[in-house]
Amino acid sequence: MKFLQRLVRLSLPIAASTALLAAPTYAAPTVTTYAGNTTVSLSQALLSALASLHVTASREFPAQLSGSTAKFPIPNGQIDLADAHGEITHSGGLNLIAGSTTVTLSDFVIDTTGSQPVLTGLVLANGSVVGRLPLFNLALTQAPQVHNFGFSGTLRIAGVDLTLTATAAGALNQAFNVTAFSAGIPIGTASVDAFTYNPTQIWW
């Protein structure tokens, strides 16, 4: 599918992925995501870095955090299946806490409208808004799976590697008054599981 081809081109090359790409059997619509979750397995490198800085993590409701696994609900978004341009939004986030400093990363958006897929987030330092920043660069390690049944469908993107952006590293260093964060630190591996519908085929 063009959708799969676009996502793979925007991400890490996958040598075997071309065998998974079939010709489209339907006109590729722009679909709306309305439910689902993105699950992130946090990397040991990140957890070790946080521990060395005495930084602890907690969830920002309605996200879930259990051990090294975080889950963020998907309330909405739009993806063009023809070229994979779009955004997938998330609720909740993570709080990073060290002493009297709390940095909150929340309201994540997976953005594939540019040349580099990126996850942006709203950043707060001790309750004050810093801004919406590009937090993590995204790279696929396997082909996405799209199932479209006319009005409804599903989207699954597994094996997405997340790495820290230079912008996010600078913001974290400033907030915690350290120099430990740098661009390219592996954050973890994400899987997106979303339910979709085609708004042009609503029957009411």
N, C-alpha and C. Protein backbone atom coordinates (compact mmCIF):
# COMPACT_ATOMS: atom_id res chain seq x y z
N MET A 1 0.83 -1.19 0.00
CA MET A 1 0.00 0.00 0.00
C MET A 1 0.87 1.25 0.00
N LYS A 2 0.37 2.33 -0.60
CA LYS A 2 1.09 3.57 -0.54
C LYS A 2 1.27 4.02 0.90
N PHE A 3 0.27 3.74 1.71
CA PHE A 3 0.35 4.11 3.14
C PHE A 3 1.56 3.48 3.79
N LEU A 4 1.73 2.18 3.58
CA LEU A 4 2.86 1.48 4.18
C LEU A 4 4.17 1.95 3.59
N GLN A 5 4.20 2.18 2.27
CA GLN A 5 5.42 2.63 1.62
C GLN A 5 5.87 3.97 2.18
N ARG A 6 4.91 4.86 2.37
CA ARG A 6 5.25 6.18 2.88
C ARG A 6 5.82 6.10 4.29
N LEU A 7 5.19 5.32 5.15
CA LEU A 7 5.66 5.21 6.53
C LEU A 7 7.05 4.60 6.58
N VAL A 8 7.30 3.61 5.75
CA VAL A 8 8.61 2.97 5.75
C VAL A 8 9.66 3.95 5.21
N ARG A 9 9.34 4.74 4.16
CA ARG A 9 10.29 5.69 3.63
C ARG A 9 10.62 6.77 4.65
N LEU A 10 9.66 7.14 5.47
CA LEU A 10 9.88 8.17 6.48
C LEU A 10 10.70 7.66 7.65
N SER A 11 10.88 6.35 7.72
CA SER A 11 11.53 5.75 8.88
C SER A 11 12.78 5.01 8.45
N LEU A 12 13.29 4.15 9.31
CA LEU A 12 14.46 3.37 8.98
C LEU A 12 14.17 2.43 7.81
N PRO A 13 15.12 2.26 6.88
CA PRO A 13 14.89 1.31 5.80
C PRO A 13 14.70 -0.09 6.34
N ILE A 14 13.76 -0.80 5.74
CA ILE A 14 13.50 -2.18 6.13
C ILE A 14 13.66 -3.04 4.88
N ALA A 15 14.72 -3.83 4.85
CA ALA A 15 15.05 -4.55 3.64
C ALA A 15 13.94 -5.48 3.19
N ALA A 16 13.28 -6.12 4.15
CA ALA A 16 12.28 -7.12 3.79
C ALA A 16 10.89 -6.55 3.66
N SER A 17 10.73 -5.26 3.87
CA SER A 17 9.38 -4.71 3.94
C SER A 17 8.67 -4.69 2.59
N THR A 18 9.44 -4.61 1.47
CA THR A 18 8.79 -4.53 0.18
C THR A 18 7.95 -5.76 -0.12
N ALA A 19 8.30 -6.88 0.45
CA ALA A 19 7.52 -8.09 0.24
C ALA A 19 6.17 -8.02 0.91
N LEU A 20 6.02 -7.10 1.87
CA LEU A 20 4.77 -6.99 2.61
C LEU A 20 3.82 -5.97 2.00
N LEU A 21 4.31 -5.21 1.00
CA LEU A 21 3.52 -4.13 0.46
C LEU A 21 2.73 -4.61 -0.75
N ALA A 22 1.42 -4.63 -0.62
CA ALA A 22 0.58 -5.10 -1.71
C ALA A 22 -0.08 -3.91 -2.39
N ALA A 23 -0.49 -4.08 -3.62
CA ALA A 23 -1.20 -3.02 -4.33
C ALA A 23 -2.53 -2.75 -3.65
N PRO A 24 -2.96 -1.47 -3.58
CA PRO A 24 -4.21 -1.15 -2.91
C PRO A 24 -5.40 -1.72 -3.65
N THR A 25 -6.39 -2.16 -2.88
CA THR A 25 -7.61 -2.71 -3.47
C THR A 25 -8.78 -1.77 -3.26
N TYR A 26 -8.50 -0.57 -2.71
CA TYR A 26 -9.56 0.40 -2.48
C TYR A 26 -8.94 1.78 -2.54
N ALA A 27 -9.77 2.80 -2.77
CA ALA A 27 -9.29 4.17 -2.75
C ALA A 27 -8.87 4.52 -1.33
N ALA A 28 -7.66 5.03 -1.19
CA ALA A 28 -7.15 5.31 0.15
C ALA A 28 -7.77 6.59 0.69
N PRO A 29 -8.56 6.49 1.76
CA PRO A 29 -9.21 7.68 2.33
C PRO A 29 -8.34 8.30 3.42
N THR A 30 -8.77 9.44 3.93
CA THR A 30 -8.25 9.97 5.18
C THR A 30 -9.16 9.48 6.29
N VAL A 31 -8.60 8.72 7.22
CA VAL A 31 -9.41 8.12 8.27
C VAL A 31 -9.15 8.85 9.58
N THR A 32 -10.12 8.76 10.48
CA THR A 32 -10.05 9.39 11.79
C THR A 32 -9.82 8.32 12.85
N THR A 33 -8.82 8.52 13.69
CA THR A 33 -8.64 7.62 14.83
C THR A 33 -9.52 8.12 15.97
N TYR A 34 -10.18 7.18 16.66
CA TYR A 34 -11.11 7.60 17.70
C TYR A 34 -10.90 6.85 19.02
N ALA A 35 -10.02 5.88 19.05
CA ALA A 35 -9.76 5.11 20.27
C ALA A 35 -8.49 4.30 20.06
N GLY A 36 -8.00 3.74 21.16
CA GLY A 36 -6.80 2.92 21.10
C GLY A 36 -5.76 3.40 22.08
N ASN A 37 -4.56 2.87 21.94
CA ASN A 37 -3.46 3.21 22.85
C ASN A 37 -2.13 3.14 22.11
N THR A 38 -1.20 3.94 22.58
CA THR A 38 0.21 3.76 22.23
C THR A 38 0.94 3.26 23.47
N THR A 39 1.59 2.12 23.34
CA THR A 39 2.32 1.51 24.46
C THR A 39 3.81 1.66 24.22
N VAL A 40 4.53 2.14 25.24
CA VAL A 40 5.97 2.36 25.12
C VAL A 40 6.70 1.52 26.17
N SER A 41 7.63 0.70 25.70
CA SER A 41 8.54 -0.01 26.59
C SER A 41 9.79 0.85 26.74
N LEU A 42 9.96 1.46 27.91
CA LEU A 42 11.06 2.37 28.14
C LEU A 42 12.39 1.62 28.14
N SER A 43 13.41 2.23 27.53
CA SER A 43 14.70 1.56 27.39
C SER A 43 15.46 1.53 28.71
N GLN A 44 16.33 0.55 28.85
CA GLN A 44 17.17 0.46 30.04
C GLN A 44 18.13 1.63 30.10
N ALA A 45 18.55 2.12 28.93
CA ALA A 45 19.46 3.27 28.90
C ALA A 45 18.80 4.49 29.51
N LEU A 46 17.52 4.71 29.19
CA LEU A 46 16.81 5.84 29.76
C LEU A 46 16.60 5.66 31.25
N LEU A 47 16.15 4.47 31.65
CA LEU A 47 15.89 4.22 33.07
C LEU A 47 17.16 4.37 33.90
N SER A 48 18.29 3.91 33.37
CA SER A 48 19.56 4.04 34.09
C SER A 48 19.98 5.50 34.20
N ALA A 49 19.76 6.26 33.12
CA ALA A 49 20.11 7.68 33.14
C ALA A 49 19.28 8.42 34.17
N LEU A 50 17.98 8.13 34.22
CA LEU A 50 17.11 8.78 35.20
C LEU A 50 17.51 8.41 36.62
N ALA A 51 17.83 7.14 36.83
CA ALA A 51 18.21 6.70 38.17
C ALA A 51 19.50 7.37 38.62
N SER A 52 20.45 7.53 37.71
CA SER A 52 21.72 8.16 38.07
C SER A 52 21.55 9.63 38.45
N LEU A 53 20.47 10.24 37.93
CA LEU A 53 20.18 11.64 38.23
C LEU A 53 19.17 11.77 39.37
N HIS A 54 18.78 10.63 39.94
CA HIS A 54 17.78 10.59 41.01
C HIS A 54 16.45 11.20 40.55
N VAL A 55 16.13 10.90 39.29
CA VAL A 55 14.87 11.34 38.71
C VAL A 55 13.90 10.16 38.70
N THR A 56 12.72 10.36 39.25
CA THR A 56 11.70 9.32 39.23
C THR A 56 10.58 9.73 38.27
N ALA A 57 9.89 8.73 37.76
CA ALA A 57 8.81 8.97 36.81
C ALA A 57 7.48 8.54 37.40
N SER A 58 6.44 9.31 37.11
CA SER A 58 5.09 8.95 37.48
C SER A 58 4.17 9.28 36.31
N ARG A 59 2.99 8.71 36.33
CA ARG A 59 2.06 8.92 35.22
C ARG A 59 1.31 10.23 35.40
N GLU A 60 0.94 10.82 34.26
CA GLU A 60 0.03 11.95 34.23
C GLU A 60 -1.30 11.42 33.67
N PHE A 61 -2.33 11.37 34.52
CA PHE A 61 -3.62 10.79 34.15
C PHE A 61 -4.12 11.38 32.83
N PRO A 62 -4.71 10.51 31.94
CA PRO A 62 -5.09 9.12 32.15
C PRO A 62 -4.07 8.10 31.63
N ALA A 63 -2.84 8.50 31.47
CA ALA A 63 -1.81 7.54 31.07
C ALA A 63 -1.62 6.50 32.16
N GLN A 64 -1.02 5.38 31.79
CA GLN A 64 -0.70 4.32 32.74
C GLN A 64 0.80 4.07 32.73
N LEU A 65 1.35 3.77 33.90
CA LEU A 65 2.77 3.46 34.01
C LEU A 65 2.93 2.30 34.98
N SER A 66 3.49 1.20 34.46
CA SER A 66 3.73 0.02 35.29
C SER A 66 5.12 -0.49 34.99
N GLY A 67 6.02 -0.33 35.95
CA GLY A 67 7.40 -0.73 35.71
C GLY A 67 8.01 0.10 34.60
N SER A 68 8.48 -0.57 33.55
CA SER A 68 9.10 0.14 32.43
C SER A 68 8.15 0.30 31.25
N THR A 69 6.86 0.06 31.47
CA THR A 69 5.88 0.14 30.38
C THR A 69 4.90 1.28 30.64
N ALA A 70 4.77 2.16 29.65
CA ALA A 70 3.83 3.28 29.73
C ALA A 70 2.80 3.13 28.62
N LYS A 71 1.56 3.52 28.92
CA LYS A 71 0.48 3.41 27.94
C LYS A 71 -0.28 4.73 27.90
N PHE A 72 -0.50 5.23 26.67
CA PHE A 72 -1.14 6.52 26.48
C PHE A 72 -2.37 6.37 25.59
N PRO A 73 -3.55 6.75 26.08
CA PRO A 73 -4.78 6.62 25.28
C PRO A 73 -4.76 7.52 24.04
N ILE A 74 -5.40 7.04 22.98
CA ILE A 74 -5.53 7.79 21.73
C ILE A 74 -6.98 8.28 21.60
N PRO A 75 -7.25 9.57 21.81
CA PRO A 75 -8.63 10.05 21.69
C PRO A 75 -9.03 10.39 20.26
N ASN A 76 -8.09 10.85 19.45
CA ASN A 76 -8.45 11.24 18.09
C ASN A 76 -7.20 11.41 17.24
N GLY A 77 -7.41 11.74 15.99
CA GLY A 77 -6.33 11.95 15.04
C GLY A 77 -6.84 11.73 13.63
N GLN A 78 -6.02 12.04 12.66
CA GLN A 78 -6.36 11.82 11.26
C GLN A 78 -5.13 11.36 10.49
N ILE A 79 -5.32 10.34 9.67
CA ILE A 79 -4.23 9.80 8.86
C ILE A 79 -4.72 9.62 7.43
N ASP A 80 -3.99 10.18 6.47
CA ASP A 80 -4.27 9.98 5.05
C ASP A 80 -3.62 8.68 4.62
N LEU A 81 -4.42 7.68 4.28
CA LEU A 81 -3.88 6.38 3.93
C LEU A 81 -3.13 6.37 2.61
N ALA A 82 -3.27 7.44 1.81
CA ALA A 82 -2.56 7.49 0.54
C ALA A 82 -1.08 7.80 0.71
N ASP A 83 -0.76 8.69 1.67
CA ASP A 83 0.63 9.09 1.83
C ASP A 83 1.10 9.11 3.28
N ALA A 84 0.24 8.70 4.20
CA ALA A 84 0.57 8.61 5.63
C ALA A 84 0.76 9.96 6.30
N HIS A 85 0.38 11.04 5.64
CA HIS A 85 0.43 12.33 6.31
C HIS A 85 -0.68 12.40 7.35
N GLY A 86 -0.35 12.91 8.54
CA GLY A 86 -1.38 13.06 9.55
C GLY A 86 -0.82 13.18 10.94
N GLU A 87 -1.73 13.14 11.89
CA GLU A 87 -1.36 13.24 13.30
C GLU A 87 -2.21 12.27 14.11
N ILE A 88 -1.61 11.72 15.15
CA ILE A 88 -2.33 10.88 16.12
C ILE A 88 -2.08 11.50 17.49
N THR A 89 -3.14 11.90 18.17
CA THR A 89 -3.00 12.58 19.46
C THR A 89 -3.16 11.58 20.61
N HIS A 90 -2.66 11.98 21.78
CA HIS A 90 -2.70 11.14 22.97
C HIS A 90 -3.09 11.96 24.19
N SER A 91 -3.67 11.26 25.16
CA SER A 91 -4.01 11.88 26.44
C SER A 91 -3.01 11.45 27.50
N GLY A 92 -2.86 12.30 28.53
CA GLY A 92 -1.96 11.96 29.62
C GLY A 92 -0.51 12.17 29.27
N GLY A 93 0.37 11.67 30.13
CA GLY A 93 1.79 11.84 29.90
C GLY A 93 2.60 11.29 31.04
N LEU A 94 3.82 11.85 31.21
CA LEU A 94 4.73 11.42 32.27
C LEU A 94 5.22 12.63 33.05
N ASN A 95 5.39 12.43 34.36
CA ASN A 95 6.03 13.41 35.22
C ASN A 95 7.42 12.91 35.57
N LEU A 96 8.42 13.76 35.38
CA LEU A 96 9.79 13.45 35.76
C LEU A 96 10.12 14.34 36.96
N ILE A 97 10.46 13.70 38.08
CA ILE A 97 10.56 14.42 39.35
C ILE A 97 11.95 14.22 39.97
N ALA A 98 12.59 15.33 40.32
CA ALA A 98 13.87 15.30 41.03
C ALA A 98 13.87 16.43 42.04
N GLY A 99 13.85 16.10 43.33
CA GLY A 99 13.80 17.12 44.36
C GLY A 99 12.56 17.97 44.23
N SER A 100 12.76 19.28 44.12
CA SER A 100 11.63 20.20 44.01
C SER A 100 11.24 20.49 42.57
N THR A 101 11.88 19.80 41.63
CA THR A 101 11.62 20.05 40.20
C THR A 101 10.78 18.94 39.60
N THR A 102 9.69 19.32 38.94
CA THR A 102 8.85 18.38 38.22
C THR A 102 8.70 18.84 36.78
N VAL A 103 9.10 18.00 35.86
CA VAL A 103 8.90 18.26 34.43
C VAL A 103 7.82 17.32 33.93
N THR A 104 6.78 17.89 33.36
CA THR A 104 5.66 17.10 32.84
C THR A 104 5.69 17.11 31.32
N LEU A 105 5.69 15.92 30.73
CA LEU A 105 5.60 15.74 29.27
C LEU A 105 4.25 15.12 28.99
N SER A 106 3.40 15.81 28.25
CA SER A 106 2.03 15.32 28.09
C SER A 106 1.45 15.68 26.73
N ASP A 107 0.23 15.16 26.51
CA ASP A 107 -0.54 15.48 25.29
C ASP A 107 0.30 15.24 24.04
N PHE A 108 0.85 14.04 23.96
CA PHE A 108 1.73 13.70 22.85
C PHE A 108 0.99 13.66 21.52
N VAL A 109 1.70 14.06 20.47
CA VAL A 109 1.17 13.99 19.10
C VAL A 109 2.21 13.32 18.21
N ILE A 110 1.84 12.21 17.59
CA ILE A 110 2.66 11.62 16.54
C ILE A 110 2.39 12.39 15.26
N ASP A 111 3.40 13.02 14.71
CA ASP A 111 3.25 13.90 13.55
C ASP A 111 4.07 13.36 12.39
N THR A 112 3.39 12.98 11.31
CA THR A 112 4.08 12.47 10.12
C THR A 112 3.92 13.41 8.93
N THR A 113 3.60 14.69 9.20
CA THR A 113 3.37 15.64 8.12
C THR A 113 4.67 16.22 7.57
N GLY A 114 5.77 16.06 8.28
CA GLY A 114 7.05 16.59 7.82
C GLY A 114 7.94 15.52 7.24
N SER A 115 9.19 15.90 6.97
CA SER A 115 10.14 14.95 6.37
C SER A 115 10.62 13.91 7.37
N GLN A 116 10.58 14.23 8.67
CA GLN A 116 11.00 13.31 9.72
C GLN A 116 9.85 13.08 10.68
N PRO A 117 9.36 11.84 10.80
CA PRO A 117 8.31 11.57 11.79
C PRO A 117 8.80 11.91 13.19
N VAL A 118 7.95 12.58 13.95
CA VAL A 118 8.36 13.05 15.27
C VAL A 118 7.19 12.97 16.22
N LEU A 119 7.49 12.82 17.50
CA LEU A 119 6.48 12.88 18.54
C LEU A 119 6.70 14.18 19.31
N THR A 120 5.70 15.04 19.27
CA THR A 120 5.79 16.29 20.03
C THR A 120 5.01 16.15 21.33
N GLY A 121 5.28 17.04 22.28
CA GLY A 121 4.58 16.99 23.54
C GLY A 121 4.55 18.37 24.19
N LEU A 122 3.55 18.57 25.03
CA LEU A 122 3.47 19.79 25.83
C LEU A 122 4.38 19.63 27.04
N VAL A 123 5.28 20.57 27.24
CA VAL A 123 6.26 20.48 28.32
C VAL A 123 5.96 21.55 29.37
N LEU A 124 5.84 21.10 30.63
CA LEU A 124 5.66 22.01 31.76
C LEU A 124 6.80 21.81 32.75
N ALA A 125 7.30 22.89 33.32
CA ALA A 125 8.31 22.83 34.37
C ALA A 125 7.72 23.44 35.63
N ASN A 126 7.52 22.61 36.65
CA ASN A 126 6.89 23.05 37.90
C ASN A 126 5.57 23.78 37.65
N GLY A 127 4.80 23.24 36.72
CA GLY A 127 3.48 23.76 36.45
C GLY A 127 3.42 24.90 35.46
N SER A 128 4.56 25.44 35.03
CA SER A 128 4.59 26.52 34.05
C SER A 128 4.85 25.95 32.65
N VAL A 129 4.07 26.40 31.69
CA VAL A 129 4.18 25.88 30.34
C VAL A 129 5.46 26.37 29.68
N VAL A 130 6.30 25.43 29.25
CA VAL A 130 7.49 25.76 28.47
C VAL A 130 7.13 25.89 27.01
N GLY A 131 6.28 24.97 26.52
CA GLY A 131 5.83 25.01 25.14
C GLY A 131 5.62 23.61 24.60
N ARG A 132 5.14 23.55 23.38
CA ARG A 132 5.05 22.26 22.68
C ARG A 132 6.34 22.06 21.93
N LEU A 133 7.05 20.97 22.27
CA LEU A 133 8.38 20.73 21.72
C LEU A 133 8.44 19.39 21.00
N PRO A 134 9.32 19.28 20.00
CA PRO A 134 9.60 17.96 19.42
C PRO A 134 10.41 17.14 20.41
N LEU A 135 9.83 16.07 20.92
CA LEU A 135 10.48 15.32 21.99
C LEU A 135 11.29 14.13 21.49
N PHE A 136 10.65 13.32 20.64
CA PHE A 136 11.28 12.07 20.21
C PHE A 136 11.21 11.93 18.69
N ASN A 137 12.33 11.56 18.08
CA ASN A 137 12.31 11.15 16.68
C ASN A 137 11.81 9.71 16.61
N LEU A 138 11.11 9.38 15.51
CA LEU A 138 10.51 8.07 15.34
C LEU A 138 11.14 7.33 14.17
N ALA A 139 11.34 6.03 14.35
CA ALA A 139 11.86 5.20 13.27
C ALA A 139 11.24 3.81 13.36
N LEU A 140 10.70 3.34 12.25
CA LEU A 140 10.08 2.02 12.22
C LEU A 140 11.13 0.93 12.11
N THR A 141 10.80 -0.23 12.68
CA THR A 141 11.64 -1.42 12.51
C THR A 141 10.88 -2.53 11.80
N GLN A 142 9.59 -2.33 11.56
CA GLN A 142 8.78 -3.29 10.81
C GLN A 142 7.62 -2.56 10.16
N ALA A 143 7.02 -3.20 9.17
CA ALA A 143 5.97 -2.55 8.40
C ALA A 143 4.69 -2.41 9.22
N PRO A 144 3.97 -1.29 9.05
CA PRO A 144 2.67 -1.11 9.72
C PRO A 144 1.62 -2.04 9.13
N GLN A 145 0.54 -2.20 9.87
CA GLN A 145 -0.58 -3.02 9.41
C GLN A 145 -1.85 -2.17 9.41
N VAL A 146 -2.49 -2.10 8.27
CA VAL A 146 -3.74 -1.34 8.12
C VAL A 146 -4.83 -2.29 7.68
N HIS A 147 -5.95 -2.27 8.39
CA HIS A 147 -7.12 -3.05 7.99
C HIS A 147 -8.29 -2.09 7.87
N ASN A 148 -8.79 -1.97 6.66
CA ASN A 148 -9.88 -1.03 6.40
C ASN A 148 -11.09 -1.81 5.93
N PHE A 149 -12.21 -1.61 6.61
CA PHE A 149 -13.43 -2.35 6.29
C PHE A 149 -14.53 -1.42 5.79
N GLY A 150 -14.11 -0.40 5.04
CA GLY A 150 -15.08 0.57 4.56
C GLY A 150 -15.25 1.69 5.56
N PHE A 151 -16.28 1.59 6.40
CA PHE A 151 -16.51 2.64 7.40
C PHE A 151 -15.50 2.58 8.53
N SER A 152 -15.16 1.38 9.00
CA SER A 152 -14.30 1.23 10.16
C SER A 152 -13.02 0.49 9.80
N GLY A 153 -12.06 0.52 10.72
CA GLY A 153 -10.82 -0.18 10.47
C GLY A 153 -9.90 -0.11 11.67
N THR A 154 -8.69 -0.63 11.51
CA THR A 154 -7.69 -0.61 12.56
C THR A 154 -6.34 -0.23 11.96
N LEU A 155 -5.51 0.35 12.81
CA LEU A 155 -4.15 0.71 12.43
C LEU A 155 -3.22 0.21 13.52
N ARG A 156 -2.22 -0.56 13.15
CA ARG A 156 -1.21 -1.04 14.10
C ARG A 156 0.17 -0.73 13.56
N ILE A 157 0.96 -0.05 14.38
CA ILE A 157 2.34 0.24 14.03
C ILE A 157 3.19 -0.24 15.19
N ALA A 158 3.86 -1.35 15.02
CA ALA A 158 4.67 -1.94 16.09
C ALA A 158 6.16 -1.68 15.82
N GLY A 159 6.95 -1.79 16.88
CA GLY A 159 8.40 -1.68 16.72
C GLY A 159 8.88 -0.31 16.31
N VAL A 160 8.30 0.75 16.88
CA VAL A 160 8.73 2.12 16.57
C VAL A 160 9.79 2.54 17.59
N ASP A 161 11.01 2.78 17.12
CA ASP A 161 12.08 3.20 18.01
C ASP A 161 11.97 4.70 18.28
N LEU A 162 12.07 5.09 19.55
CA LEU A 162 12.01 6.49 19.95
C LEU A 162 13.39 6.93 20.43
N THR A 163 13.88 8.06 19.93
CA THR A 163 15.13 8.64 20.40
C THR A 163 14.92 10.10 20.75
N LEU A 164 15.65 10.58 21.73
CA LEU A 164 15.49 11.94 22.22
C LEU A 164 15.99 12.95 21.19
N THR A 165 15.22 14.03 21.00
CA THR A 165 15.64 15.10 20.10
C THR A 165 16.59 16.04 20.82
N ALA A 166 17.33 16.83 20.05
CA ALA A 166 18.23 17.82 20.63
C ALA A 166 17.45 18.87 21.42
N THR A 167 16.27 19.24 20.91
CA THR A 167 15.44 20.23 21.59
C THR A 167 15.01 19.74 22.96
N ALA A 168 14.54 18.48 23.01
CA ALA A 168 14.10 17.91 24.29
C ALA A 168 15.26 17.75 25.26
N ALA A 169 16.41 17.33 24.74
CA ALA A 169 17.59 17.17 25.60
C ALA A 169 17.96 18.51 26.24
N GLY A 170 17.94 19.57 25.46
CA GLY A 170 18.27 20.89 25.99
C GLY A 170 17.28 21.34 27.06
N ALA A 171 16.00 21.08 26.83
CA ALA A 171 14.98 21.48 27.79
C ALA A 171 15.13 20.71 29.10
N LEU A 172 15.42 19.41 29.03
CA LEU A 172 15.59 18.61 30.24
C LEU A 172 16.85 19.01 31.00
N ASN A 173 17.94 19.27 30.28
CA ASN A 173 19.17 19.71 30.94
C ASN A 173 18.96 21.02 31.68
N GLN A 174 18.22 21.93 31.04
CA GLN A 174 17.97 23.21 31.68
C GLN A 174 17.06 23.06 32.90
N ALA A 175 16.03 22.25 32.76
CA ALA A 175 15.07 22.09 33.87
C ALA A 175 15.73 21.46 35.09
N PHE A 176 16.58 20.45 34.88
CA PHE A 176 17.19 19.74 36.01
C PHE A 176 18.60 20.24 36.33
N ASN A 177 19.06 21.24 35.56
CA ASN A 177 20.38 21.83 35.78
C ASN A 177 21.48 20.77 35.69
N VAL A 178 21.44 20.00 34.61
CA VAL A 178 22.42 18.95 34.36
C VAL A 178 22.89 19.04 32.91
N THR A 179 23.80 18.17 32.53
CA THR A 179 24.27 18.07 31.14
C THR A 179 24.17 16.63 30.65
N ALA A 180 23.42 15.82 31.35
CA ALA A 180 23.39 14.38 31.08
C ALA A 180 22.58 13.99 29.85
N PHE A 181 21.62 14.83 29.47
CA PHE A 181 20.75 14.47 28.35
C PHE A 181 21.34 14.95 27.03
N SER A 182 21.30 14.09 26.03
CA SER A 182 21.83 14.45 24.71
C SER A 182 20.95 13.85 23.63
N ALA A 183 21.02 14.44 22.45
CA ALA A 183 20.23 13.95 21.32
C ALA A 183 20.61 12.51 20.99
N GLY A 184 19.60 11.71 20.68
CA GLY A 184 19.84 10.33 20.27
C GLY A 184 19.74 9.31 21.37
N ILE A 185 19.57 9.74 22.62
CA ILE A 185 19.39 8.77 23.70
C ILE A 185 18.18 7.90 23.40
N PRO A 186 18.31 6.57 23.43
CA PRO A 186 17.14 5.72 23.15
C PRO A 186 16.12 5.82 24.28
N ILE A 187 14.90 6.17 23.92
CA ILE A 187 13.82 6.32 24.89
C ILE A 187 13.08 5.00 25.09
N GLY A 188 12.90 4.26 24.02
CA GLY A 188 12.19 2.99 24.12
C GLY A 188 11.61 2.60 22.78
N THR A 189 10.73 1.61 22.83
CA THR A 189 10.07 1.10 21.63
C THR A 189 8.57 1.20 21.82
N ALA A 190 7.90 1.75 20.81
CA ALA A 190 6.46 2.01 20.91
C ALA A 190 5.68 1.13 19.95
N SER A 191 4.43 0.85 20.33
CA SER A 191 3.46 0.18 19.47
C SER A 191 2.17 0.99 19.50
N VAL A 192 1.67 1.32 18.32
CA VAL A 192 0.42 2.07 18.19
C VAL A 192 -0.68 1.11 17.77
N ASP A 193 -1.77 1.10 18.52
CA ASP A 193 -2.94 0.29 18.19
C ASP A 193 -4.15 1.21 18.23
N ALA A 194 -4.68 1.55 17.06
CA ALA A 194 -5.77 2.52 16.99
C ALA A 194 -6.94 1.98 16.19
N PHE A 195 -8.14 2.39 16.59
CA PHE A 195 -9.35 2.12 15.82
C PHE A 195 -9.65 3.35 14.95
N THR A 196 -10.11 3.10 13.74
CA THR A 196 -10.33 4.20 12.81
C THR A 196 -11.73 4.11 12.20
N TYR A 197 -12.18 5.24 11.68
CA TYR A 197 -13.39 5.24 10.85
C TYR A 197 -13.21 6.22 9.70
N ASN A 198 -13.92 5.96 8.64
CA ASN A 198 -13.89 6.81 7.45
C ASN A 198 -15.07 7.77 7.52
N PRO A 199 -14.84 9.07 7.78
CA PRO A 199 -15.96 10.01 7.96
C PRO A 199 -16.77 10.21 6.69
N THR A 200 -16.23 9.84 5.51
CA THR A 200 -17.01 10.02 4.29
C THR A 200 -18.01 8.91 4.08
N GLN A 201 -17.96 7.87 4.94
CA GLN A 201 -18.87 6.75 4.78
C GLN A 201 -19.81 6.58 5.97
N ILE A 202 -20.00 7.67 6.73
CA ILE A 202 -20.97 7.62 7.83
C ILE A 202 -22.36 7.44 7.25
N TRP A 203 -23.10 6.53 7.85
CA TRP A 203 -24.39 6.16 7.27
C TRP A 203 -25.56 6.97 7.82
N TRP A 204 -25.35 7.84 8.83
CA TRP A 204 -26.48 8.60 9.33
C TRP A 204 -26.40 10.04 8.88
